[in-house]
Amino acid sequence: MTGFALYRLPYEKEVTLVAQAEDEPLELPSYEALNGQTGFVVAPFSISDTCPLVLIRPDIIQAYPSYRECVLKRNDLSLAEKRPFSARETTFLNRDTYSDDFKRFFAGLSDGRFSKLVLSRCAEQEADGDEPLTLFQRACEMYPRMFISLVYTPQSGMWLTATPEILLEGVDNQWRTIALAGTMKLRDEDLNGEGEHATWSTKNIQEQRYVATYLRDCLEQFATDICEEGPRTVRAANLVHLRSDFTFGLLESAGVGDVLQRLHPTPAVCGLPKQATYEFILENEHTPRLYYSGFMGPLNLRLPEGCLLGKKPQTHLFVSLRCMQITDSQYRMFAGGGLLKDSIEEQEWQETEAKLETMRRVLTE
């Protein structure tokens, strides 16, 4: 296999393998170029020569009844041919560097240039020899509410994701996306529930509303019968978030790639106004995001006979949050948080620590 993706949808048991048999996975110049394509998408935060938009061709599609039964050949999991980190990529944010970045980002909020900015960071941990498949299986066990994927292409390297955020998914012409923002950590007895006792701050409510408003504005250009429900509290690992759900149909003139070109990156991972914050992040964030806060998932994929998830072509694209890149020597974990003009640095740092814990738990179990 020249590229593969092993994934499990939220609340499902079945695991699907999508693999390309030969040649390198296709590189596409834009998200619009996904119109009419089929396969597994591996999209970066920002398309570049070093982080291309990649599509794994579905030469092989195989379903496993559960994560316990899925297998990959050792050669397919070899890290020997993975793209090494460049000197720039191996920088990571310690507490002092995060503080420098926070001050620079916060200045842009304070002077009114931006209404929201998302600041991300990276933490590194020495690889301990666990097989990537073992890490994938642990993530499936620990996080039944999340989209879990283990993905490899020569262009991207290997990534493990455990993400709660739908970017775009649909079967036939029944589509949905979500506005997910605001974060709180569950503690003590609240860990036994779904976050139903969470009391949200004005900052979190405002941040989530920004994302929901942006999504509705985008969808009105491409969609019909838009229905919004929420916000409501949802749990993801030991965190809870505010979520609004949008369901809709696509206009005949609209393709999935057209919608993705307009949606991504959403204010949940970028900020507002979108283009200005996007450019500011690329110029000012210490650590390149690579495929963190991009998106991954099956696109227009028809599953084989016998799959429990149905026979119709399906699209399930998720924002690549709670993720890490895997090499033979390191795990590189990413997390970020939305900043508003009333954000407090230490609280934002602790939020990223809580989000990094999702991947750290997979490594320490």
Protein backbone atom coordinates (compact mmCIF):
# COMPACT_ATOMS: atom_id res chain seq x y z
CA MET A 1 0.00 0.00 0.00
CA THR A 2 1.23 3.48 -0.86
CA GLY A 3 -1.22 5.21 1.45
CA PHE A 4 -3.96 4.10 3.80
CA ALA A 5 -6.58 5.30 6.25
CA LEU A 6 -8.09 3.25 9.03
CA TYR A 7 -11.11 4.95 10.60
CA ARG A 8 -14.09 4.50 12.92
CA LEU A 9 -17.06 6.84 13.01
CA PRO A 10 -18.43 8.21 16.32
CA TYR A 11 -20.68 5.81 18.25
CA GLU A 12 -20.04 3.03 15.71
CA LYS A 13 -18.21 -0.27 16.17
CA GLU A 14 -17.22 -1.03 12.59
CA VAL A 15 -13.76 0.01 11.39
CA THR A 16 -13.03 0.70 7.71
CA LEU A 17 -9.70 0.47 5.88
CA VAL A 18 -9.21 2.54 2.71
CA ALA A 19 -5.92 1.94 0.90
CA GLN A 20 -4.19 2.83 -2.35
CA ALA A 21 -2.38 -0.10 -3.96
CA GLU A 22 0.24 1.68 -6.07
CA ASP A 23 1.47 5.14 -7.08
CA GLU A 24 1.47 7.98 -4.59
CA PRO A 25 -1.88 9.41 -3.45
CA LEU A 26 -3.16 12.26 -5.58
CA GLU A 27 -2.23 15.85 -4.70
CA LEU A 28 -4.94 18.41 -5.44
CA PRO A 29 -4.43 22.17 -5.88
CA SER A 30 -7.50 23.36 -3.98
CA TYR A 31 -10.46 22.21 -1.90
CA GLU A 32 -12.71 22.94 -4.89
CA ALA A 33 -10.79 20.26 -6.77
CA LEU A 34 -12.46 17.69 -4.49
CA ASN A 35 -15.66 18.08 -6.55
CA GLY A 36 -16.49 14.71 -8.10
CA GLN A 37 -13.63 12.89 -6.35
CA THR A 38 -13.83 9.65 -4.35
CA GLY A 39 -11.46 8.39 -1.67
CA PHE A 40 -10.09 9.40 1.71
CA VAL A 41 -9.16 13.07 2.09
CA VAL A 42 -6.12 14.26 4.08
CA ALA A 43 -6.28 18.06 4.15
CA PRO A 44 -3.90 20.49 5.90
CA PHE A 45 -4.78 23.72 7.67
CA SER A 46 -3.18 25.54 4.74
CA ILE A 47 -2.29 23.96 1.40
CA SER A 48 1.40 24.35 0.52
CA ASP A 49 4.21 22.54 -1.28
CA THR A 50 5.22 20.83 1.98
CA CYS A 51 1.64 20.17 3.14
CA PRO A 52 -0.43 19.31 0.08
CA LEU A 53 -4.08 18.36 -0.06
CA VAL A 54 -3.98 14.59 -0.54
CA LEU A 55 -6.58 12.06 -1.70
CA ILE A 56 -6.05 8.34 -1.06
CA ARG A 57 -7.55 6.37 -3.95
CA PRO A 58 -9.86 3.57 -2.67
CA ASP A 59 -8.24 0.62 -4.45
CA ILE A 60 -8.85 -1.44 -1.33
CA ILE A 61 -11.85 -1.03 0.97
CA GLN A 62 -12.23 -3.46 3.83
CA ALA A 63 -14.56 -3.42 6.84
CA TYR A 64 -13.81 -4.96 10.23
CA PRO A 65 -16.54 -5.66 12.82
CA SER A 66 -14.61 -3.77 15.50
CA TYR A 67 -11.28 -2.14 16.31
CA ARG A 68 -10.19 -5.32 18.07
CA GLU A 69 -10.31 -7.26 14.82
CA CYS A 70 -8.66 -4.84 12.41
CA VAL A 71 -5.20 -5.71 11.12
CA LEU A 72 -2.45 -4.05 9.13
CA LYS A 73 0.72 -5.63 7.81
CA ARG A 74 3.87 -4.56 9.64
CA ASN A 75 5.32 -3.24 6.37
CA ASP A 76 2.35 -0.89 6.01
CA LEU A 77 3.09 0.60 9.44
CA SER A 78 6.82 1.01 8.88
CA LEU A 79 8.01 4.51 9.68
CA ALA A 80 11.18 4.21 7.60
CA GLU A 81 9.82 6.14 4.64
CA LYS A 82 7.99 8.82 6.57
CA ARG A 83 8.72 12.42 5.76
CA PRO A 84 11.18 13.66 8.43
CA PHE A 85 10.57 16.86 10.33
CA SER A 86 12.37 19.93 9.08
CA ALA A 87 14.21 22.18 11.51
CA ARG A 88 11.32 24.65 11.40
CA GLU A 89 8.74 21.96 12.07
CA THR A 90 10.48 20.67 15.17
CA THR A 91 10.06 23.91 17.10
CA PHE A 92 7.39 23.59 19.77
CA LEU A 93 5.71 25.88 22.23
CA ASN A 94 6.87 25.75 25.83
CA ARG A 95 5.23 27.99 28.41
CA ASP A 96 7.45 31.03 27.74
CA THR A 97 7.05 30.84 23.99
CA TYR A 98 3.29 30.41 24.35
CA SER A 99 3.27 33.57 26.44
CA ASP A 100 5.06 35.47 23.67
CA ASP A 101 2.56 34.22 21.10
CA PHE A 102 -0.38 34.99 23.37
CA LYS A 103 0.74 38.61 23.81
CA ARG A 104 1.10 39.05 20.05
CA PHE A 105 -2.30 37.50 19.35
CA PHE A 106 -3.99 39.35 22.21
CA ALA A 107 -2.72 42.68 20.88
CA GLY A 108 -4.61 42.05 17.65
CA LEU A 109 -7.80 41.46 19.65
CA SER A 110 -7.32 44.44 21.94
CA ASP A 111 -6.83 46.94 19.12
CA GLY A 112 -9.91 45.72 17.28
CA ARG A 113 -8.23 44.12 14.26
CA PHE A 114 -9.80 40.77 15.09
CA SER A 115 -12.86 39.65 17.05
CA LYS A 116 -11.48 36.11 17.54
CA LEU A 117 -8.12 34.40 17.00
CA VAL A 118 -7.18 30.76 17.52
CA LEU A 119 -3.71 30.15 18.95
CA SER A 120 -2.29 26.64 18.70
CA ARG A 121 0.75 24.93 20.15
CA CYS A 122 2.65 21.66 19.87
CA ALA A 123 4.11 19.28 22.44
CA GLU A 124 6.59 16.51 21.70
CA GLN A 125 7.12 13.17 23.39
CA GLU A 126 9.68 10.49 22.68
CA ALA A 127 8.22 7.45 20.92
CA ASP A 128 8.07 4.40 23.16
CA GLY A 129 7.83 1.66 20.56
CA ASP A 130 4.06 1.11 20.54
CA GLU A 131 2.76 0.10 17.14
CA PRO A 132 0.56 2.78 15.52
CA LEU A 133 -2.22 0.19 15.19
CA THR A 134 -2.08 -0.35 18.96
CA LEU A 135 -2.48 3.40 19.52
CA PHE A 136 -5.44 3.46 17.12
CA GLN A 137 -7.10 0.60 18.99
CA ARG A 138 -6.56 2.33 22.33
CA ALA A 139 -8.12 5.52 20.99
CA CYS A 140 -11.16 3.57 19.75
CA GLU A 141 -11.54 1.98 23.18
CA MET A 142 -11.14 5.23 25.10
CA TYR A 143 -13.13 7.61 22.90
CA PRO A 144 -16.35 6.02 21.55
CA ARG A 145 -17.90 9.48 20.90
CA MET A 146 -15.14 10.59 18.52
CA PHE A 147 -14.00 10.03 14.96
CA ILE A 148 -10.82 7.96 15.23
CA SER A 149 -8.42 7.65 12.30
CA LEU A 150 -4.92 6.38 11.61
CA VAL A 151 -3.71 7.79 8.30
CA TYR A 152 -0.52 7.52 6.30
CA THR A 153 0.57 9.05 3.00
CA PRO A 154 4.14 9.73 1.82
CA GLN A 155 3.24 13.42 1.63
CA SER A 156 1.79 13.82 5.13
CA GLY A 157 3.48 11.13 7.18
CA MET A 158 1.43 9.23 9.74
CA TRP A 159 -1.27 10.87 11.88
CA LEU A 160 -3.57 9.63 14.61
CA THR A 161 -6.72 11.68 15.26
CA ALA A 162 -9.50 11.52 17.84
CA THR A 163 -11.79 14.40 16.98
CA PRO A 164 -15.35 15.41 17.88
CA GLU A 165 -15.88 18.05 15.17
CA ILE A 166 -17.79 17.33 11.96
CA LEU A 167 -16.83 19.62 9.11
CA LEU A 168 -19.19 18.16 6.50
CA GLU A 169 -20.95 14.84 6.15
CA GLY A 170 -23.77 13.47 4.07
CA VAL A 171 -25.50 10.59 2.35
CA ASP A 172 -27.62 11.28 -0.76
CA ASN A 173 -28.59 14.94 -0.39
CA GLN A 174 -28.97 14.90 3.38
CA TRP A 175 -26.04 16.92 4.73
CA ARG A 176 -24.94 18.30 8.06
CA THR A 177 -22.21 20.27 9.76
CA ILE A 178 -21.75 21.51 13.31
CA ALA A 179 -20.59 24.62 15.13
CA LEU A 180 -18.36 23.37 17.95
CA ALA A 181 -16.64 25.85 20.26
CA GLY A 182 -16.19 26.60 23.93
CA THR A 183 -14.31 24.19 26.18
CA MET A 184 -14.52 23.10 29.81
CA LYS A 185 -12.81 20.22 31.59
CA LEU A 186 -14.95 17.71 33.46
CA ARG A 187 -13.90 16.93 37.01
CA ASP A 188 -14.82 14.60 39.86
CA GLU A 189 -18.43 13.37 39.72
CA ASP A 190 -19.13 15.21 36.48
CA LEU A 191 -16.94 12.62 34.72
CA ASN A 192 -19.80 10.15 35.20
CA GLY A 193 -22.16 12.20 33.03
CA GLU A 194 -22.36 14.00 29.70
CA GLY A 195 -21.67 17.50 31.01
CA GLU A 196 -25.30 18.22 31.75
CA HIS A 197 -24.34 20.33 34.78
CA ALA A 198 -21.93 22.58 32.86
CA THR A 199 -22.37 26.32 33.34
CA TRP A 200 -20.95 28.25 30.42
CA SER A 201 -19.14 31.59 30.62
CA THR A 202 -20.06 34.54 28.43
CA LYS A 203 -16.73 34.10 26.61
CA ASN A 204 -17.51 30.49 25.64
CA ILE A 205 -21.07 31.30 24.58
CA GLN A 206 -19.86 34.20 22.43
CA GLU A 207 -17.11 32.11 20.85
CA GLN A 208 -19.60 29.38 19.88
CA ARG A 209 -22.05 31.93 18.47
CA TYR A 210 -19.35 33.34 16.20
CA VAL A 211 -18.83 29.89 14.66
CA ALA A 212 -22.56 29.17 14.28
CA THR A 213 -23.21 32.52 12.58
CA TYR A 214 -20.30 31.97 10.20
CA LEU A 215 -21.55 28.50 9.22
CA ARG A 216 -25.07 29.74 8.50
CA ASP A 217 -23.70 32.57 6.34
CA CYS A 218 -21.61 30.06 4.36
CA LEU A 219 -24.42 27.55 3.92
CA GLU A 220 -26.86 30.13 2.60
CA GLN A 221 -24.72 30.33 -0.54
CA PHE A 222 -24.92 26.60 -1.33
CA ALA A 223 -27.77 25.00 0.62
CA THR A 224 -31.53 24.69 0.88
CA ASP A 225 -33.77 23.86 3.83
CA ILE A 226 -31.18 24.89 6.44
CA CYS A 227 -32.21 23.85 9.94
CA GLU A 228 -30.20 24.86 13.03
CA GLU A 229 -30.56 23.15 16.42
CA GLY A 230 -28.72 24.09 19.60
CA PRO A 231 -26.46 25.05 21.15
CA ARG A 232 -26.21 22.13 23.55
CA THR A 233 -23.45 20.69 25.71
CA VAL A 234 -21.64 17.64 24.32
CA ARG A 235 -18.85 15.56 25.80
CA ALA A 236 -15.56 14.68 24.06
CA ALA A 237 -13.16 12.64 26.22
CA ASN A 238 -12.88 14.53 29.53
CA LEU A 239 -13.93 17.83 27.95
CA VAL A 240 -17.29 19.35 27.09
CA HIS A 241 -18.07 21.79 24.28
CA LEU A 242 -21.01 23.84 23.04
CA ARG A 243 -22.46 22.46 19.79
CA SER A 244 -25.07 23.56 17.27
CA ASP A 245 -26.17 21.20 14.48
CA PHE A 246 -27.02 22.30 10.94
CA THR A 247 -28.85 20.02 8.50
CA PHE A 248 -29.47 21.00 4.88
CA GLY A 249 -29.65 19.96 1.25
CA LEU A 250 -27.18 21.09 -1.42
CA LEU A 251 -28.21 23.12 -4.44
CA GLU A 252 -27.81 21.29 -7.75
CA SER A 253 -25.18 23.81 -8.77
CA ALA A 254 -23.06 23.23 -5.64
CA GLY A 255 -20.37 20.59 -5.23
CA VAL A 256 -18.86 19.32 -2.00
CA GLY A 257 -15.54 20.92 -2.91
CA ASP A 258 -17.24 24.30 -3.38
CA VAL A 259 -18.69 24.09 0.14
CA LEU A 260 -15.36 23.03 1.62
CA GLN A 261 -13.55 25.88 -0.12
CA ARG A 262 -15.92 28.31 1.61
CA LEU A 263 -16.13 26.58 5.01
CA HIS A 264 -12.52 25.72 5.74
CA PRO A 265 -10.94 26.90 7.92
CA THR A 266 -13.90 27.78 10.15
CA PRO A 267 -13.64 30.32 12.99
CA ALA A 268 -13.41 27.33 15.36
CA VAL A 269 -9.79 26.80 14.21
CA CYS A 270 -8.97 30.17 12.65
CA GLY A 271 -10.83 33.30 13.76
CA LEU A 272 -12.77 36.31 12.52
CA PRO A 273 -12.59 38.02 10.14
CA LYS A 274 -11.57 34.80 8.43
CA GLN A 275 -9.05 35.87 5.77
CA ALA A 276 -7.26 38.36 8.01
CA THR A 277 -6.94 35.90 10.91
CA TYR A 278 -5.87 33.11 8.56
CA GLU A 279 -3.02 35.21 7.23
CA PHE A 280 -2.10 36.41 10.72
CA ILE A 281 -1.85 32.82 12.02
CA LEU A 282 0.39 31.72 9.14
CA GLU A 283 2.71 34.67 9.74
CA ASN A 284 2.80 34.70 13.54
CA GLU A 285 2.21 31.26 15.02
CA HIS A 286 5.47 29.68 16.20
CA THR A 287 4.76 26.11 15.15
CA PRO A 288 3.40 25.27 11.68
CA ARG A 289 0.12 23.42 12.06
CA LEU A 290 0.76 21.00 9.19
CA TYR A 291 -2.33 18.74 9.13
CA TYR A 292 -3.59 19.79 12.56
CA SER A 293 -6.83 21.79 12.20
CA GLY A 294 -7.18 20.61 8.61
CA PHE A 295 -9.70 17.84 7.93
CA MET A 296 -9.78 14.14 7.15
CA GLY A 297 -12.30 11.50 6.18
CA PRO A 298 -13.98 9.44 3.47
CA LEU A 299 -15.35 11.39 0.50
CA ASN A 300 -18.19 10.01 -1.62
CA LEU A 301 -17.08 6.51 -0.63
CA ARG A 302 -19.19 3.47 -1.45
CA LEU A 303 -18.62 0.77 1.16
CA PRO A 304 -18.42 -2.93 0.22
CA GLU A 305 -21.26 -5.42 0.55
CA GLY A 306 -21.96 -6.45 4.12
CA CYS A 307 -20.90 -3.18 5.76
CA LEU A 308 -23.19 -2.20 8.58
CA LEU A 309 -22.91 1.49 7.67
CA GLY A 310 -24.83 1.11 4.40
CA LYS A 311 -24.24 0.80 0.67
CA LYS A 312 -24.82 4.38 -0.51
CA PRO A 313 -21.82 6.67 -1.15
CA GLN A 314 -20.95 8.48 2.07
CA THR A 315 -18.96 11.54 3.05
CA HIS A 316 -17.71 11.97 6.63
CA LEU A 317 -15.17 14.79 6.91
CA PHE A 318 -13.94 15.76 10.38
CA VAL A 319 -11.74 18.64 11.52
CA SER A 320 -8.35 17.21 12.58
CA LEU A 321 -8.34 18.18 16.24
CA ARG A 322 -6.86 16.14 19.14
CA CYS A 323 -4.26 14.70 16.83
CA MET A 324 -0.61 13.79 16.65
CA GLN A 325 1.97 13.07 14.02
CA ILE A 326 3.92 9.84 14.51
CA THR A 327 7.50 9.14 13.46
CA ASP A 328 9.92 6.41 14.48
CA SER A 329 11.33 8.64 17.24
CA GLN A 330 8.64 11.14 18.27
CA TYR A 331 4.98 11.84 18.85
CA ARG A 332 4.04 15.45 18.09
CA MET A 333 0.72 16.48 19.63
CA PHE A 334 -1.23 19.61 18.72
CA ALA A 335 -3.88 21.69 20.47
CA GLY A 336 -5.32 25.18 20.25
CA GLY A 337 -7.86 27.50 21.75
CA GLY A 338 -10.00 30.44 20.70
CA LEU A 339 -8.96 33.83 22.07
CA LEU A 340 -11.30 36.78 22.54
CA LYS A 341 -10.48 40.23 23.90
CA ASP A 342 -11.36 39.13 27.45
CA SER A 343 -9.24 35.95 27.33
CA ILE A 344 -6.83 35.26 30.21
CA GLU A 345 -3.49 33.72 29.30
CA GLU A 346 -3.23 31.13 32.07
CA GLN A 347 -6.77 29.91 31.44
CA GLU A 348 -6.04 29.54 27.73
CA TRP A 349 -2.81 27.64 28.45
CA GLN A 350 -4.70 25.25 30.73
CA GLU A 351 -7.30 24.71 28.02
CA THR A 352 -4.58 23.56 25.60
CA GLU A 353 -3.16 21.29 28.32
CA ALA A 354 -6.59 19.70 28.77
CA LYS A 355 -6.90 19.14 25.01
CA LEU A 356 -3.41 17.62 24.76
CA GLU A 357 -4.43 15.17 27.47
CA THR A 358 -6.64 13.39 24.93
CA MET A 359 -3.61 12.11 23.01
CA ARG A 360 -1.37 11.81 26.06
CA ARG A 361 -3.79 9.33 27.60
CA VAL A 362 -3.53 7.16 24.49
CA LEU A 363 0.25 7.07 24.93
CA THR A 364 0.23 6.30 28.65
CA GLU A 365 -2.52 3.67 28.94
